[in-house]
Amino acid sequence: MSERLHIDVAEGTEPQIVVSLAGDLDLVTAHELRSVLERHAGRSVVLDLSGVDFVDSTGLVLLMEAARADGARIALRRGVGPSVARLFQVTKTEGLFAWVD
């Protein structure tokens, strides 16, 4: 794992897992999240982006692909930071995601 992105995977309510991210989700680090999502394919995944400081286009595309994948059960936890919330707002992508508390 890079120093720029910390990923914590925790068991939620079975069969759900919660993946908490902290740092930058970008060209350099997106492959790390992709690997985690691939390892947990078929499970319900809640992504907690509250610790994410920056998302570039690569990170945004990864999130959109994960949300749109066949059989995807990906949700984002409400409470993203201001820069990530602004990104979703500016790109008009917040409606692409399922949101949970």
C-alpha atoms as a PDB file:
ATOM      1  CA  MET A   1       0.000   0.000   0.000  1.00  0.00           C
ATOM      2  CA  SER A   2       1.271   3.458  -0.802  1.00  0.00           C
ATOM      3  CA  GLU A   3       1.826   6.238   1.682  1.00  0.00           C
ATOM      4  CA  ARG A   4      -0.683   8.328  -0.280  1.00  0.00           C
ATOM      5  CA  LEU A   5      -3.706   6.072   0.290  1.00  0.00           C
ATOM      6  CA  HIS A   6      -4.638   4.033   3.337  1.00  0.00           C
ATOM      7  CA  ILE A   7      -7.294   1.356   2.880  1.00  0.00           C
ATOM      8  CA  ASP A   8      -8.991  -0.365   5.810  1.00  0.00           C
ATOM      9  CA  VAL A   9     -11.362  -3.273   5.176  1.00  0.00           C
ATOM     10  CA  ALA A  10     -13.761  -4.155   7.986  1.00  0.00           C
ATOM     11  CA  GLU A  11     -16.544  -6.671   8.208  1.00  0.00           C
ATOM     12  CA  GLY A  12     -19.949  -5.078   8.402  1.00  0.00           C
ATOM     13  CA  THR A  13     -23.267  -6.843   8.588  1.00  0.00           C
ATOM     14  CA  GLU A  14     -22.770 -10.113   6.682  1.00  0.00           C
ATOM     15  CA  PRO A  15     -22.256 -10.220   3.731  1.00  0.00           C
ATOM     16  CA  GLN A  16     -21.317  -6.534   3.753  1.00  0.00           C
ATOM     17  CA  ILE A  17     -17.835  -5.088   4.106  1.00  0.00           C
ATOM     18  CA  VAL A  18     -16.866  -1.496   4.766  1.00  0.00           C
ATOM     19  CA  VAL A  19     -13.848  -0.145   2.926  1.00  0.00           C
ATOM     20  CA  SER A  20     -12.548   3.074   4.485  1.00  0.00           C
ATOM     21  CA  LEU A  21     -10.132   5.201   2.513  1.00  0.00           C
ATOM     22  CA  ALA A  22      -7.830   7.984   3.671  1.00  0.00           C
ATOM     23  CA  GLY A  23      -5.543  10.074   1.482  1.00  0.00           C
ATOM     24  CA  ASP A  24      -5.588  10.563  -2.278  1.00  0.00           C
ATOM     25  CA  LEU A  25      -7.501   8.417  -4.776  1.00  0.00           C
ATOM     26  CA  ASP A  26      -5.730   9.130  -8.041  1.00  0.00           C
ATOM     27  CA  LEU A  27      -3.761   7.706 -10.948  1.00  0.00           C
ATOM     28  CA  VAL A  28      -1.037   6.453  -8.628  1.00  0.00           C
ATOM     29  CA  THR A  29      -3.304   4.832  -6.006  1.00  0.00           C
ATOM     30  CA  ALA A  30      -6.495   3.774  -7.825  1.00  0.00           C
ATOM     31  CA  HIS A  31      -5.100   0.298  -8.554  1.00  0.00           C
ATOM     32  CA  GLU A  32      -5.002  -0.368  -4.799  1.00  0.00           C
ATOM     33  CA  LEU A  33      -8.741   0.216  -4.432  1.00  0.00           C
ATOM     34  CA  ARG A  34      -9.438  -1.736  -7.618  1.00  0.00           C
ATOM     35  CA  SER A  35      -7.571  -4.730  -6.139  1.00  0.00           C
ATOM     36  CA  VAL A  36      -9.614  -4.562  -2.931  1.00  0.00           C
ATOM     37  CA  LEU A  37     -12.882  -4.373  -4.869  1.00  0.00           C
ATOM     38  CA  GLU A  38     -11.858  -7.316  -7.059  1.00  0.00           C
ATOM     39  CA  ARG A  39     -10.979  -9.409  -3.982  1.00  0.00           C
ATOM     40  CA  HIS A  40     -14.433  -8.761  -2.537  1.00  0.00           C
ATOM     41  CA  ALA A  41     -16.468  -9.114  -5.734  1.00  0.00           C
ATOM     42  CA  GLY A  42     -19.942 -10.458  -5.073  1.00  0.00           C
ATOM     43  CA  ARG A  43     -20.196  -8.897  -1.616  1.00  0.00           C
ATOM     44  CA  SER A  44     -21.989  -5.704  -0.682  1.00  0.00           C
ATOM     45  CA  VAL A  45     -19.361  -3.015  -0.272  1.00  0.00           C
ATOM     46  CA  VAL A  46     -19.775   0.321   1.475  1.00  0.00           C
ATOM     47  CA  LEU A  47     -17.032   2.783   0.578  1.00  0.00           C
ATOM     48  CA  ASP A  48     -16.274   5.341   3.261  1.00  0.00           C
ATOM     49  CA  LEU A  49     -14.545   8.254   1.555  1.00  0.00           C
ATOM     50  CA  SER A  50     -14.679  10.590   4.576  1.00  0.00           C
ATOM     51  CA  GLY A  51     -10.882  10.454   4.893  1.00  0.00           C
ATOM     52  CA  VAL A  52     -10.205  11.105   1.210  1.00  0.00           C
ATOM     53  CA  ASP A  53      -8.600  14.475   0.534  1.00  0.00           C
ATOM     54  CA  PHE A  54      -8.400  14.320  -3.254  1.00  0.00           C
ATOM     55  CA  VAL A  55      -9.924  12.334  -6.121  1.00  0.00           C
ATOM     56  CA  ASP A  56      -8.712  12.798  -9.691  1.00  0.00           C
ATOM     57  CA  SER A  57     -10.378  11.624 -12.891  1.00  0.00           C
ATOM     58  CA  THR A  58      -8.857   8.139 -12.581  1.00  0.00           C
ATOM     59  CA  GLY A  59     -10.308   7.719  -9.099  1.00  0.00           C
ATOM     60  CA  LEU A  60     -13.692   9.054 -10.191  1.00  0.00           C
ATOM     61  CA  VAL A  61     -13.817   6.701 -13.178  1.00  0.00           C
ATOM     62  CA  LEU A  62     -12.941   3.764 -10.914  1.00  0.00           C
ATOM     63  CA  LEU A  63     -15.790   4.668  -8.545  1.00  0.00           C
ATOM     64  CA  MET A  64     -18.228   5.039 -11.445  1.00  0.00           C
ATOM     65  CA  GLU A  65     -17.150   1.726 -13.002  1.00  0.00           C
ATOM     66  CA  ALA A  66     -17.533  -0.040  -9.659  1.00  0.00           C
ATOM     67  CA  ALA A  67     -21.023   1.415  -9.181  1.00  0.00           C
ATOM     68  CA  ARG A  68     -22.099   0.439 -12.705  1.00  0.00           C
ATOM     69  CA  ALA A  69     -20.559  -3.045 -12.878  1.00  0.00           C
ATOM     70  CA  ASP A  70     -22.869  -5.972 -13.503  1.00  0.00           C
ATOM     71  CA  GLY A  71     -24.137  -7.206 -10.169  1.00  0.00           C
ATOM     72  CA  ALA A  72     -22.474  -4.289  -8.393  1.00  0.00           C
ATOM     73  CA  ARG A  73     -23.426  -3.831  -4.798  1.00  0.00           C
ATOM     74  CA  ILE A  74     -21.360  -0.742  -4.084  1.00  0.00           C
ATOM     75  CA  ALA A  75     -22.609   2.140  -1.952  1.00  0.00           C
ATOM     76  CA  LEU A  76     -20.891   5.288  -0.734  1.00  0.00           C
ATOM     77  CA  ARG A  77     -21.210   6.363   2.874  1.00  0.00           C
ATOM     78  CA  ARG A  78     -22.584   9.867   3.350  1.00  0.00           C
ATOM     79  CA  GLY A  79     -20.237  12.384   4.891  1.00  0.00           C
ATOM     80  CA  VAL A  80     -17.563  12.762   2.236  1.00  0.00           C
ATOM     81  CA  GLY A  81     -15.186  15.649   2.671  1.00  0.00           C
ATOM     82  CA  PRO A  82     -15.783  19.012   1.005  1.00  0.00           C
ATOM     83  CA  SER A  83     -13.385  18.500  -1.913  1.00  0.00           C
ATOM     84  CA  VAL A  84     -14.894  15.103  -2.790  1.00  0.00           C
ATOM     85  CA  ALA A  85     -18.446  16.438  -2.397  1.00  0.00           C
ATOM     86  CA  ARG A  86     -17.525  19.322  -4.699  1.00  0.00           C
ATOM     87  CA  LEU A  87     -16.109  16.900  -7.286  1.00  0.00           C
ATOM     88  CA  PHE A  88     -19.369  14.911  -7.356  1.00  0.00           C
ATOM     89  CA  GLN A  89     -21.349  18.149  -7.569  1.00  0.00           C
ATOM     90  CA  VAL A  90     -19.280  19.722 -10.365  1.00  0.00           C
ATOM     91  CA  THR A  91     -19.203  16.530 -12.420  1.00  0.00           C
ATOM     92  CA  LYS A  92     -22.901  15.850 -11.704  1.00  0.00           C
ATOM     93  CA  THR A  93     -22.046  12.280 -10.704  1.00  0.00           C
ATOM     94  CA  GLU A  94     -23.467  12.117  -7.172  1.00  0.00           C
ATOM     95  CA  GLY A  95     -26.684  10.623  -8.568  1.00  0.00           C
ATOM     96  CA  LEU A  96     -24.777   7.643 -10.020  1.00  0.00           C
ATOM     97  CA  PHE A  97     -24.096   6.228  -6.603  1.00  0.00           C
ATOM     98  CA  ALA A  98     -26.167   4.555  -3.934  1.00  0.00           C
ATOM     99  CA  TRP A  99     -25.650   6.440  -0.663  1.00  0.00           C
ATOM    100  CA  VAL A 100     -25.950   5.028   2.867  1.00  0.00           C
ATOM    101  CA  ASP A 101     -25.650   6.477   6.355  1.00  0.00           C
END
